[in-house]
Amino acid sequence: MTNPSTSELYDGESPSWARTEPVLLSDYTARPFILETVSPVDGARVLDLGCGEGYVSRQLATQAPARLLSVDISSGMIDLARAAEEDAPLGIDYRVASATELDLDEEFDLVLAVFLFNYLTCDEMGAVLEKVHRHLAPGGRFLFTAPHPSFPFLDRPAEPPFFFDTEGLDYFSARDHQLEGRIWRRDGESVPVRCVHKPMDEYFRALESAGFTAAPRVTELSVTPEHLELDSKFFGPLRGLPLHVAFEVSRASD
């Protein structure tokens, strides 16, 4: 059986991703870090690549950016985002578009890609990074997150709160292989996810090839004592494990 494309996967599952408060694992362990790191964005021109149903975009919009363009390949996700925008207007410009084919005639002060590159091959990621570099204003910042490269290979069982099927591959042999998985919400519902695996060095090479000359700031993310205090049953199985990785890099000033 052929796996669905990413757009098909999320068109079909989009209702399970709709949320107005944290429910997914990464809503606690990754997205708050990103939002705290980029703030404040008031007066900034912002591009949110792979915005999904707009969960991060809506939080960014409350900080009064001058422009907020949010794109996703899934029409189902964008339909949800636009419905939320219609219900409570925040001035977000949502578009259905593939990050690999995006062609814009404008610059941005901040670009985000929150769990986008795990859906792209190494070559596709490189192409997107070149576009990001091209569309960043001099001195502009780019932040992105991805599953920690080691996480799928920590021999976790297929159970909550997170799982990837490595199909007998290892950390190096899985390079550019699409790994299917599931992520559980705190309410017990699960949603499908996938990860095109990239060893850590792949991100550094791709950033350099795209034109980023400064070394990125890299932060490894996992559960915190606050998460364990909130819900030890949900977060406890992942105590001390590397879950995500966040990269922050700037375009050199001309």
C-alpha atoms as a PDB file:
ATOM      1  CA  MET A   1       0.000   0.000   0.000  1.00  0.00           C
ATOM      2  CA  THR A   2       1.389   3.402  -1.031  1.00  0.00           C
ATOM      3  CA  ASN A   3       1.715   5.959   1.736  1.00  0.00           C
ATOM      4  CA  PRO A   4      -0.284   9.150   1.185  1.00  0.00           C
ATOM      5  CA  SER A   5       1.514  12.335   0.239  1.00  0.00           C
ATOM      6  CA  THR A   6       2.072  14.838   3.024  1.00  0.00           C
ATOM      7  CA  SER A   7      -0.751  17.051   1.751  1.00  0.00           C
ATOM      8  CA  GLU A   8      -3.104  14.051   1.567  1.00  0.00           C
ATOM      9  CA  LEU A   9      -2.058  12.915   5.042  1.00  0.00           C
ATOM     10  CA  TYR A  10      -2.875  16.251   6.622  1.00  0.00           C
ATOM     11  CA  ASP A  11      -5.942  17.000   4.534  1.00  0.00           C
ATOM     12  CA  GLY A  12      -7.473  13.834   5.975  1.00  0.00           C
ATOM     13  CA  GLU A  13      -6.239  14.339   9.544  1.00  0.00           C
ATOM     14  CA  SER A  14      -6.585  18.113   9.812  1.00  0.00           C
ATOM     15  CA  PRO A  15      -9.529  18.096  12.287  1.00  0.00           C
ATOM     16  CA  SER A  16      -7.357  16.201  14.805  1.00  0.00           C
ATOM     17  CA  TRP A  17      -4.778  19.003  14.716  1.00  0.00           C
ATOM     18  CA  ALA A  18      -7.212  21.849  15.401  1.00  0.00           C
ATOM     19  CA  ARG A  19      -6.555  23.371  18.819  1.00  0.00           C
ATOM     20  CA  THR A  20      -6.665  26.614  20.741  1.00  0.00           C
ATOM     21  CA  GLU A  21      -4.472  25.444  23.633  1.00  0.00           C
ATOM     22  CA  PRO A  22      -1.599  22.956  24.067  1.00  0.00           C
ATOM     23  CA  VAL A  23      -2.576  19.325  23.473  1.00  0.00           C
ATOM     24  CA  LEU A  24       0.255  17.775  21.449  1.00  0.00           C
ATOM     25  CA  LEU A  25       3.594  16.804  22.976  1.00  0.00           C
ATOM     26  CA  SER A  26       5.472  19.450  20.993  1.00  0.00           C
ATOM     27  CA  ASP A  27       2.942  22.115  22.030  1.00  0.00           C
ATOM     28  CA  TYR A  28       4.584  21.824  25.435  1.00  0.00           C
ATOM     29  CA  THR A  29       8.160  20.870  24.624  1.00  0.00           C
ATOM     30  CA  ALA A  30       8.985  22.858  21.458  1.00  0.00           C
ATOM     31  CA  ARG A  31       6.518  25.555  20.408  1.00  0.00           C
ATOM     32  CA  PRO A  32       6.708  27.593  23.644  1.00  0.00           C
ATOM     33  CA  PHE A  33      10.501  27.706  23.241  1.00  0.00           C
ATOM     34  CA  ILE A  34      10.144  29.019  19.694  1.00  0.00           C
ATOM     35  CA  LEU A  35       7.587  31.653  20.665  1.00  0.00           C
ATOM     36  CA  GLU A  36       9.686  32.832  23.597  1.00  0.00           C
ATOM     37  CA  THR A  37      12.839  32.962  21.464  1.00  0.00           C
ATOM     38  CA  VAL A  38      11.334  35.043  18.649  1.00  0.00           C
ATOM     39  CA  SER A  39       9.434  37.509  20.852  1.00  0.00           C
ATOM     40  CA  PRO A  40       8.830  40.361  20.474  1.00  0.00           C
ATOM     41  CA  VAL A  41       7.766  40.492  16.816  1.00  0.00           C
ATOM     42  CA  ASP A  42       5.825  43.770  16.883  1.00  0.00           C
ATOM     43  CA  GLY A  43       6.419  45.672  13.662  1.00  0.00           C
ATOM     44  CA  ALA A  44       8.261  42.740  12.047  1.00  0.00           C
ATOM     45  CA  ARG A  45       7.533  41.098   8.712  1.00  0.00           C
ATOM     46  CA  VAL A  46       7.056  37.398   9.508  1.00  0.00           C
ATOM     47  CA  LEU A  47       6.816  34.268   7.353  1.00  0.00           C
ATOM     48  CA  ASP A  48       5.547  31.046   8.962  1.00  0.00           C
ATOM     49  CA  LEU A  49       6.436  28.100   6.712  1.00  0.00           C
ATOM     50  CA  GLY A  50       4.478  24.893   7.276  1.00  0.00           C
ATOM     51  CA  CYS A  51       2.018  26.719   9.516  1.00  0.00           C
ATOM     52  CA  GLY A  52      -0.484  23.843   9.768  1.00  0.00           C
ATOM     53  CA  GLU A  53      -3.829  25.028  11.104  1.00  0.00           C
ATOM     54  CA  GLY A  54      -2.259  28.230  12.410  1.00  0.00           C
ATOM     55  CA  TYR A  55      -1.570  27.380  16.056  1.00  0.00           C
ATOM     56  CA  VAL A  56       1.772  29.235  16.181  1.00  0.00           C
ATOM     57  CA  SER A  57       0.704  31.923  13.720  1.00  0.00           C
ATOM     58  CA  ARG A  58      -2.215  32.959  15.899  1.00  0.00           C
ATOM     59  CA  GLN A  59       0.082  33.405  18.891  1.00  0.00           C
ATOM     60  CA  LEU A  60       2.526  35.430  16.817  1.00  0.00           C
ATOM     61  CA  ALA A  61      -0.307  37.622  15.525  1.00  0.00           C
ATOM     62  CA  THR A  62      -1.180  38.791  19.033  1.00  0.00           C
ATOM     63  CA  GLN A  63       2.230  40.515  19.141  1.00  0.00           C
ATOM     64  CA  ALA A  64       1.288  42.928  16.319  1.00  0.00           C
ATOM     65  CA  PRO A  65       3.705  42.033  13.508  1.00  0.00           C
ATOM     66  CA  ALA A  66       3.586  44.390  10.530  1.00  0.00           C
ATOM     67  CA  ARG A  67       2.984  41.413   8.209  1.00  0.00           C
ATOM     68  CA  LEU A  68       2.313  37.753   8.887  1.00  0.00           C
ATOM     69  CA  LEU A  69       2.241  35.371   5.929  1.00  0.00           C
ATOM     70  CA  SER A  70       1.529  31.743   6.837  1.00  0.00           C
ATOM     71  CA  VAL A  71       1.719  28.935   4.289  1.00  0.00           C
ATOM     72  CA  ASP A  72       1.102  25.201   4.320  1.00  0.00           C
ATOM     73  CA  ILE A  73       0.889  22.511   1.657  1.00  0.00           C
ATOM     74  CA  SER A  74      -2.335  21.085   3.142  1.00  0.00           C
ATOM     75  CA  SER A  75      -5.539  22.759   1.973  1.00  0.00           C
ATOM     76  CA  GLY A  76      -7.347  21.068   4.869  1.00  0.00           C
ATOM     77  CA  MET A  77      -5.043  22.725   7.381  1.00  0.00           C
ATOM     78  CA  ILE A  78      -5.355  26.120   5.691  1.00  0.00           C
ATOM     79  CA  ASP A  79      -9.146  25.779   5.608  1.00  0.00           C
ATOM     80  CA  LEU A  80      -9.077  25.358   9.391  1.00  0.00           C
ATOM     81  CA  ALA A  81      -6.717  28.301   9.783  1.00  0.00           C
ATOM     82  CA  ARG A  82      -8.867  30.549   7.619  1.00  0.00           C
ATOM     83  CA  ALA A  83     -11.987  29.529   9.529  1.00  0.00           C
ATOM     84  CA  ALA A  84     -10.292  30.562  12.779  1.00  0.00           C
ATOM     85  CA  GLU A  85      -9.198  33.833  11.165  1.00  0.00           C
ATOM     86  CA  GLU A  86     -12.732  34.537  10.011  1.00  0.00           C
ATOM     87  CA  ASP A  87     -14.092  33.796  13.466  1.00  0.00           C
ATOM     88  CA  ALA A  88     -11.520  35.974  15.247  1.00  0.00           C
ATOM     89  CA  PRO A  89      -9.596  38.167  12.755  1.00  0.00           C
ATOM     90  CA  LEU A  90      -5.905  38.661  13.539  1.00  0.00           C
ATOM     91  CA  GLY A  91      -4.710  39.897  10.152  1.00  0.00           C
ATOM     92  CA  ILE A  92      -2.965  36.653   9.133  1.00  0.00           C
ATOM     93  CA  ASP A  93      -2.511  36.012   5.406  1.00  0.00           C
ATOM     94  CA  TYR A  94      -2.918  32.247   4.908  1.00  0.00           C
ATOM     95  CA  ARG A  95      -1.956  30.544   1.643  1.00  0.00           C
ATOM     96  CA  VAL A  96      -1.906  26.972   0.360  1.00  0.00           C
ATOM     97  CA  ALA A  97       1.599  26.473  -1.027  1.00  0.00           C
ATOM     98  CA  SER A  98       4.526  24.092  -0.947  1.00  0.00           C
ATOM     99  CA  ALA A  99       7.583  25.533   0.754  1.00  0.00           C
ATOM    100  CA  THR A 100       9.744  24.000  -1.986  1.00  0.00           C
ATOM    101  CA  GLU A 101       7.885  25.936  -4.694  1.00  0.00           C
ATOM    102  CA  LEU A 102       7.179  29.191  -2.874  1.00  0.00           C
ATOM    103  CA  ASP A 103       8.072  32.243  -4.975  1.00  0.00           C
ATOM    104  CA  LEU A 104       7.629  35.560  -3.228  1.00  0.00           C
ATOM    105  CA  ASP A 105       8.561  39.115  -4.137  1.00  0.00           C
ATOM    106  CA  GLU A 106       9.149  40.400  -0.609  1.00  0.00           C
ATOM    107  CA  GLU A 107      11.542  40.244   2.325  1.00  0.00           C
ATOM    108  CA  PHE A 108      10.940  39.152   5.894  1.00  0.00           C
ATOM    109  CA  ASP A 109      12.579  40.029   9.181  1.00  0.00           C
ATOM    110  CA  LEU A 110      11.711  36.652  10.675  1.00  0.00           C
ATOM    111  CA  VAL A 111      11.066  33.257   9.109  1.00  0.00           C
ATOM    112  CA  LEU A 112       9.837  30.225  11.057  1.00  0.00           C
ATOM    113  CA  ALA A 113       9.650  26.583  10.032  1.00  0.00           C
ATOM    114  CA  VAL A 114       8.214  24.654  12.974  1.00  0.00           C
ATOM    115  CA  PHE A 115       8.480  20.930  12.161  1.00  0.00           C
ATOM    116  CA  LEU A 116       8.610  21.435   8.402  1.00  0.00           C
ATOM    117  CA  PHE A 117      11.904  19.836   7.400  1.00  0.00           C
ATOM    118  CA  ASN A 118      10.971  16.423   8.777  1.00  0.00           C
ATOM    119  CA  TYR A 119       8.598  16.183   5.787  1.00  0.00           C
ATOM    120  CA  LEU A 120      11.244  17.047   3.198  1.00  0.00           C
ATOM    121  CA  THR A 121      14.159  15.165   1.690  1.00  0.00           C
ATOM    122  CA  CYS A 122      17.662  16.522   2.181  1.00  0.00           C
ATOM    123  CA  ASP A 123      17.617  18.067  -1.306  1.00  0.00           C
ATOM    124  CA  GLU A 124      14.191  19.612  -0.708  1.00  0.00           C
ATOM    125  CA  MET A 125      15.343  21.053   2.596  1.00  0.00           C
ATOM    126  CA  GLY A 126      18.347  22.566   0.872  1.00  0.00           C
ATOM    127  CA  ALA A 127      16.118  24.195  -1.735  1.00  0.00           C
ATOM    128  CA  VAL A 128      13.858  25.662   0.955  1.00  0.00           C
ATOM    129  CA  LEU A 129      16.831  26.978   2.920  1.00  0.00           C
ATOM    130  CA  GLU A 130      18.051  28.780  -0.195  1.00  0.00           C
ATOM    131  CA  LYS A 131      14.614  30.394  -0.543  1.00  0.00           C
ATOM    132  CA  VAL A 132      14.616  31.368   3.122  1.00  0.00           C
ATOM    133  CA  HIS A 133      18.040  32.984   2.782  1.00  0.00           C
ATOM    134  CA  ARG A 134      16.888  34.845  -0.331  1.00  0.00           C
ATOM    135  CA  HIS A 135      13.742  36.188   1.345  1.00  0.00           C
ATOM    136  CA  LEU A 136      15.324  37.154   4.666  1.00  0.00           C
ATOM    137  CA  ALA A 137      16.135  40.819   5.043  1.00  0.00           C
ATOM    138  CA  PRO A 138      19.768  41.549   5.939  1.00  0.00           C
ATOM    139  CA  GLY A 139      20.086  40.792   9.636  1.00  0.00           C
ATOM    140  CA  GLY A 140      16.833  38.804   9.561  1.00  0.00           C
ATOM    141  CA  ARG A 141      16.402  35.717  11.741  1.00  0.00           C
ATOM    142  CA  PHE A 142      15.416  32.173  10.810  1.00  0.00           C
ATOM    143  CA  LEU A 143      14.266  29.642  13.399  1.00  0.00           C
ATOM    144  CA  PHE A 144      13.239  26.066  12.768  1.00  0.00           C
ATOM    145  CA  THR A 145      12.569  22.902  14.708  1.00  0.00           C
ATOM    146  CA  ALA A 146      12.782  19.228  13.809  1.00  0.00           C
ATOM    147  CA  PRO A 147      12.548  15.929  15.647  1.00  0.00           C
ATOM    148  CA  HIS A 148      15.875  15.268  17.320  1.00  0.00           C
ATOM    149  CA  PRO A 149      17.799  13.056  14.855  1.00  0.00           C
ATOM    150  CA  SER A 150      18.523  10.447  17.511  1.00  0.00           C
ATOM    151  CA  PHE A 151      14.970  10.141  18.807  1.00  0.00           C
ATOM    152  CA  PRO A 152      13.562   7.589  16.317  1.00  0.00           C
ATOM    153  CA  PHE A 153      16.415   5.222  17.231  1.00  0.00           C
ATOM    154  CA  LEU A 154      15.965   5.158  21.003  1.00  0.00           C
ATOM    155  CA  ASP A 155      14.103   1.828  20.797  1.00  0.00           C
ATOM    156  CA  ARG A 156      10.781   3.156  22.039  1.00  0.00           C
ATOM    157  CA  PRO A 157       7.687   0.920  21.847  1.00  0.00           C
ATOM    158  CA  ALA A 158       4.713   1.874  19.661  1.00  0.00           C
ATOM    159  CA  GLU A 159       2.845   3.593  22.465  1.00  0.00           C
ATOM    160  CA  PRO A 160       2.165   7.105  23.834  1.00  0.00           C
ATOM    161  CA  PRO A 161       3.308   9.755  23.733  1.00  0.00           C
ATOM    162  CA  PHE A 162       5.480   9.456  20.588  1.00  0.00           C
ATOM    163  CA  PHE A 163       6.736   6.754  18.232  1.00  0.00           C
ATOM    164  CA  PHE A 164       8.537   6.283  14.901  1.00  0.00           C
ATOM    165  CA  ASP A 165       8.892   3.017  12.963  1.00  0.00           C
ATOM    166  CA  THR A 166      12.534   2.788  11.882  1.00  0.00           C
ATOM    167  CA  GLU A 167      11.974  -0.401   9.851  1.00  0.00           C
ATOM    168  CA  GLY A 168      15.317  -1.912  10.904  1.00  0.00           C
ATOM    169  CA  LEU A 169      17.325   1.142   9.824  1.00  0.00           C
ATOM    170  CA  ASP A 170      19.913   2.844  11.995  1.00  0.00           C
ATOM    171  CA  TYR A 171      20.923   6.462  12.574  1.00  0.00           C
ATOM    172  CA  PHE A 172      23.159   6.636   9.491  1.00  0.00           C
ATOM    173  CA  SER A 173      21.519   4.190   7.081  1.00  0.00           C
ATOM    174  CA  ALA A 174      18.168   5.947   7.529  1.00  0.00           C
ATOM    175  CA  ARG A 175      19.429   9.192   5.963  1.00  0.00           C
ATOM    176  CA  ASP A 176      16.699  10.501   3.636  1.00  0.00           C
ATOM    177  CA  HIS A 177      14.371   7.602   4.489  1.00  0.00           C
ATOM    178  CA  GLN A 178      10.771   8.472   5.364  1.00  0.00           C
ATOM    179  CA  LEU A 179       9.897   7.106   8.793  1.00  0.00           C
ATOM    180  CA  GLU A 180       6.218   6.894   9.709  1.00  0.00           C
ATOM    181  CA  GLY A 181       5.051   7.477  13.243  1.00  0.00           C
ATOM    182  CA  ARG A 182       2.346   8.706  15.579  1.00  0.00           C
ATOM    183  CA  ILE A 183       2.117  11.429  18.166  1.00  0.00           C
ATOM    184  CA  TRP A 184      -0.388  11.287  20.999  1.00  0.00           C
ATOM    185  CA  ARG A 185      -2.381  14.184  22.383  1.00  0.00           C
ATOM    186  CA  ARG A 186      -2.837  14.536  26.141  1.00  0.00           C
ATOM    187  CA  ASP A 187      -6.493  13.622  25.665  1.00  0.00           C
ATOM    188  CA  GLY A 188      -5.445  10.172  24.394  1.00  0.00           C
ATOM    189  CA  GLU A 189      -6.101  10.768  20.689  1.00  0.00           C
ATOM    190  CA  SER A 190      -3.218  10.140  18.296  1.00  0.00           C
ATOM    191  CA  VAL A 191      -2.329  11.711  14.961  1.00  0.00           C
ATOM    192  CA  PRO A 192       0.041  10.427  12.253  1.00  0.00           C
ATOM    193  CA  VAL A 193       3.402  12.092  11.711  1.00  0.00           C
ATOM    194  CA  ARG A 194       6.378  11.331   9.532  1.00  0.00           C
ATOM    195  CA  CYS A 195      10.040  12.113   9.525  1.00  0.00           C
ATOM    196  CA  VAL A 196      12.437  12.076   6.604  1.00  0.00           C
ATOM    197  CA  HIS A 197      15.506  11.326   8.683  1.00  0.00           C
ATOM    198  CA  LYS A 198      18.517  13.637   8.617  1.00  0.00           C
ATOM    199  CA  PRO A 199      21.603  13.099  10.765  1.00  0.00           C
ATOM    200  CA  MET A 200      22.662  16.253  12.598  1.00  0.00           C
ATOM    201  CA  ASP A 201      25.470  17.109  10.183  1.00  0.00           C
ATOM    202  CA  GLU A 202      22.956  17.393   7.326  1.00  0.00           C
ATOM    203  CA  TYR A 203      21.419  20.528   8.835  1.00  0.00           C
ATOM    204  CA  PHE A 204      24.782  22.267   9.185  1.00  0.00           C
ATOM    205  CA  ARG A 205      25.829  21.458   5.622  1.00  0.00           C
ATOM    206  CA  ALA A 206      22.496  22.611   4.198  1.00  0.00           C
ATOM    207  CA  LEU A 207      22.581  25.912   6.089  1.00  0.00           C
ATOM    208  CA  GLU A 208      26.096  26.635   4.870  1.00  0.00           C
ATOM    209  CA  SER A 209      25.230  25.718   1.284  1.00  0.00           C
ATOM    210  CA  ALA A 210      22.198  28.023   1.405  1.00  0.00           C
ATOM    211  CA  GLY A 211      24.415  31.012   2.215  1.00  0.00           C
ATOM    212  CA  PHE A 212      24.186  31.264   5.989  1.00  0.00           C
ATOM    213  CA  THR A 213      27.700  32.162   7.088  1.00  0.00           C
ATOM    214  CA  ALA A 214      27.223  32.428  10.860  1.00  0.00           C
ATOM    215  CA  ALA A 215      27.110  29.310  13.012  1.00  0.00           C
ATOM    216  CA  PRO A 216      23.550  28.515  14.114  1.00  0.00           C
ATOM    217  CA  ARG A 217      22.491  28.465  17.723  1.00  0.00           C
ATOM    218  CA  VAL A 218      21.340  24.907  18.419  1.00  0.00           C
ATOM    219  CA  THR A 219      19.117  23.941  21.360  1.00  0.00           C
ATOM    220  CA  GLU A 220      18.104  20.378  22.218  1.00  0.00           C
ATOM    221  CA  LEU A 221      14.619  20.181  23.701  1.00  0.00           C
ATOM    222  CA  SER A 222      13.006  17.656  26.028  1.00  0.00           C
ATOM    223  CA  VAL A 223      10.558  17.460  28.905  1.00  0.00           C
ATOM    224  CA  THR A 224      11.209  19.719  31.882  1.00  0.00           C
ATOM    225  CA  PRO A 225      10.442  19.397  35.590  1.00  0.00           C
ATOM    226  CA  GLU A 226       7.447  21.666  34.956  1.00  0.00           C
ATOM    227  CA  HIS A 227       6.081  19.220  32.390  1.00  0.00           C
ATOM    228  CA  LEU A 228       6.506  16.315  34.790  1.00  0.00           C
ATOM    229  CA  GLU A 229       4.721  18.230  37.518  1.00  0.00           C
ATOM    230  CA  LEU A 230       1.875  19.023  35.136  1.00  0.00           C
ATOM    231  CA  ASP A 231       1.321  15.442  33.930  1.00  0.00           C
ATOM    232  CA  SER A 232       3.844  12.809  34.997  1.00  0.00           C
ATOM    233  CA  LYS A 233       1.943   9.988  33.301  1.00  0.00           C
ATOM    234  CA  PHE A 234       2.066  11.669  29.887  1.00  0.00           C
ATOM    235  CA  PHE A 235       5.551  13.177  30.017  1.00  0.00           C
ATOM    236  CA  GLY A 236       7.258  10.675  32.330  1.00  0.00           C
ATOM    237  CA  PRO A 237       8.138   8.043  29.677  1.00  0.00           C
ATOM    238  CA  LEU A 238      10.231  10.681  27.864  1.00  0.00           C
ATOM    239  CA  ARG A 239      12.133  11.990  30.878  1.00  0.00           C
ATOM    240  CA  GLY A 240      15.754  12.679  29.942  1.00  0.00           C
ATOM    241  CA  LEU A 241      15.336  11.890  26.230  1.00  0.00           C
ATOM    242  CA  PRO A 242      16.197  14.282  23.370  1.00  0.00           C
ATOM    243  CA  LEU A 243      12.884  14.999  21.647  1.00  0.00           C
ATOM    244  CA  HIS A 244      13.429  17.967  19.346  1.00  0.00           C
ATOM    245  CA  VAL A 245      16.159  20.255  18.130  1.00  0.00           C
ATOM    246  CA  ALA A 246      15.821  23.978  17.434  1.00  0.00           C
ATOM    247  CA  PHE A 247      18.093  25.986  15.154  1.00  0.00           C
ATOM    248  CA  GLU A 248      18.413  29.775  15.080  1.00  0.00           C
ATOM    249  CA  VAL A 249      20.479  31.548  12.453  1.00  0.00           C
ATOM    250  CA  SER A 250      20.640  35.051  10.982  1.00  0.00           C
ATOM    251  CA  ARG A 251      21.359  36.356   7.520  1.00  0.00           C
ATOM    252  CA  ALA A 252      24.474  38.465   7.435  1.00  0.00           C
ATOM    253  CA  SER A 253      23.905  42.212   7.150  1.00  0.00           C
ATOM    254  CA  ASP A 254      24.855  43.536   3.740  1.00  0.00           C
END
